[in-house]
Amino acid sequence: MTTYTDDSLRGYGHRIYERDNFTCRYCGVDGRTSFDVWLTLSVDHLLPKGHPLRDEEEFMVTACKFCNTADNHYFTKYGFSFDGMTPDELVERRRKYVHAVRQQYCAFWEENVKAISQ
């Protein structure tokens, strides 16, 4: 069996994906259901750039690409303090903002994409 631990596309995050059961920690999409879904998985840093724990694996989680980028200004926009919070607390804090952006995109899709196909 070939291992891809040095593969910059997937190897660096495989341990994180495995730990999180290949499931987005925000929306729950499961990367084990299909290759196409697995391709959407990415590693989300729970702490902002420059934070000393940012690159520690416990402060990284599996996220689909949409949820990972749903609120790119999260770290600067809301002025939160991140120190002393557990990874689970950080996910919970961010989840409501990610879901709000998802709902906006869903409404747009229903009005502008789904409606066209009916």
Protein backbone atom coordinates (compact mmCIF):
# COMPACT_ATOMS: atom_id res chain seq x y z
CA MET A 1 0.00 0.00 0.00
CA THR A 2 1.30 3.43 -0.91
CA THR A 3 1.39 6.07 1.79
CA TYR A 4 1.04 9.74 1.00
CA THR A 5 2.37 11.26 4.20
CA ASP A 6 4.54 13.66 2.21
CA ASP A 7 1.76 14.63 -0.19
CA SER A 8 1.11 18.33 0.30
CA LEU A 9 -2.47 17.91 -0.95
CA ARG A 10 -3.64 15.30 1.55
CA GLY A 11 -0.85 13.82 3.66
CA TYR A 12 -0.41 16.69 6.10
CA GLY A 13 -4.05 16.60 7.14
CA HIS A 14 -4.79 12.90 7.03
CA ARG A 15 -4.29 12.46 10.79
CA ILE A 16 -6.69 15.33 11.44
CA TYR A 17 -9.28 13.94 8.99
CA GLU A 18 -8.94 10.51 10.58
CA ARG A 19 -9.32 11.91 14.10
CA ASP A 20 -12.48 13.76 13.01
CA ASN A 21 -13.87 10.71 11.16
CA PHE A 22 -13.45 12.51 7.81
CA THR A 23 -16.36 14.73 8.81
CA CYS A 24 -16.65 18.52 8.68
CA ARG A 25 -16.82 19.75 12.28
CA TYR A 26 -19.21 22.54 11.26
CA CYS A 27 -21.80 21.09 8.86
CA GLY A 28 -21.23 17.35 9.28
CA VAL A 29 -20.57 16.49 5.63
CA ASP A 30 -18.91 13.06 5.61
CA GLY A 31 -15.88 12.61 3.35
CA ARG A 32 -16.28 8.83 3.51
CA THR A 33 -19.48 8.95 1.44
CA SER A 34 -17.77 9.65 -1.87
CA PHE A 35 -14.52 10.71 -3.49
CA ASP A 36 -16.12 14.01 -4.56
CA VAL A 37 -17.08 14.83 -0.97
CA TRP A 38 -13.64 13.78 0.32
CA LEU A 39 -12.09 16.24 -2.13
CA THR A 40 -13.90 19.08 -0.38
CA LEU A 41 -12.24 18.40 2.97
CA SER A 42 -9.64 20.81 4.28
CA VAL A 43 -7.90 21.60 7.53
CA ASP A 44 -9.26 24.59 9.42
CA HIS A 45 -7.02 26.43 11.87
CA LEU A 46 -9.00 27.39 14.96
CA LEU A 47 -6.57 30.10 15.99
CA PRO A 48 -5.51 33.21 14.06
CA LYS A 49 -2.20 33.64 12.25
CA GLY A 50 0.56 34.49 14.68
CA HIS A 51 -1.00 32.65 17.61
CA PRO A 52 1.66 30.35 19.13
CA LEU A 53 -0.64 27.28 19.14
CA ARG A 54 -2.11 27.80 15.65
CA ASP A 55 -0.18 24.95 14.02
CA GLU A 56 -0.72 22.42 16.81
CA GLU A 57 -2.87 19.56 15.51
CA GLU A 58 -5.29 19.82 18.42
CA PHE A 59 -6.11 23.36 17.22
CA MET A 60 -6.86 22.21 13.66
CA VAL A 61 -10.06 20.51 12.59
CA THR A 62 -11.57 18.94 9.51
CA ALA A 63 -13.80 21.33 7.58
CA CYS A 64 -15.32 21.23 4.14
CA LYS A 65 -13.94 24.00 1.96
CA PHE A 66 -17.12 26.03 2.22
CA CYS A 67 -17.22 25.98 6.02
CA ASN A 68 -13.49 26.67 6.19
CA THR A 69 -13.91 29.86 4.17
CA ALA A 70 -17.49 30.78 5.13
CA ASP A 71 -16.31 33.52 7.41
CA ASN A 72 -12.78 34.42 6.42
CA HIS A 73 -12.85 37.50 8.64
CA TYR A 74 -13.91 35.58 11.74
CA PHE A 75 -10.66 36.16 13.60
CA THR A 76 -10.62 39.93 13.07
CA LYS A 77 -14.29 40.75 12.57
CA TYR A 78 -15.68 39.82 15.97
CA GLY A 79 -12.81 40.77 18.28
CA PHE A 80 -12.91 37.57 20.30
CA SER A 81 -10.23 36.40 22.68
CA PHE A 82 -9.19 32.85 21.91
CA ASP A 83 -6.80 32.21 24.76
CA GLY A 84 -7.79 29.59 27.28
CA MET A 85 -10.46 28.04 25.07
CA THR A 86 -10.45 24.36 24.16
CA PRO A 87 -10.62 23.29 20.51
CA ASP A 88 -14.24 22.17 21.01
CA GLU A 89 -15.16 25.56 22.48
CA LEU A 90 -13.51 27.29 19.52
CA VAL A 91 -15.48 25.14 17.05
CA GLU A 92 -18.74 25.90 18.87
CA ARG A 93 -17.99 29.62 18.94
CA ARG A 94 -17.34 29.71 15.18
CA ARG A 95 -20.13 27.28 14.17
CA LYS A 96 -22.97 29.82 14.50
CA TYR A 97 -21.21 32.24 12.15
CA VAL A 98 -20.45 29.51 9.63
CA HIS A 99 -24.08 28.36 9.70
CA ALA A 100 -25.33 31.92 9.19
CA VAL A 101 -23.21 32.26 6.03
CA ARG A 102 -24.39 28.80 4.84
CA GLN A 103 -28.02 29.90 5.29
CA GLN A 104 -27.40 33.03 3.21
CA TYR A 105 -25.87 30.93 0.43
CA CYS A 106 -28.73 28.44 0.63
CA ALA A 107 -31.32 31.20 0.23
CA PHE A 108 -29.40 32.58 -2.76
CA TRP A 109 -29.19 29.08 -4.31
CA GLU A 110 -32.91 28.45 -3.84
CA GLU A 111 -33.82 31.77 -5.48
CA ASN A 112 -31.23 31.89 -8.24
CA VAL A 113 -30.23 28.34 -9.07
CA LYS A 114 -32.88 25.88 -7.96
CA ALA A 115 -35.69 28.11 -9.25
CA ILE A 116 -34.16 28.11 -12.74
CA SER A 117 -34.12 24.31 -12.94
CA GLN A 118 -37.81 23.91 -12.12
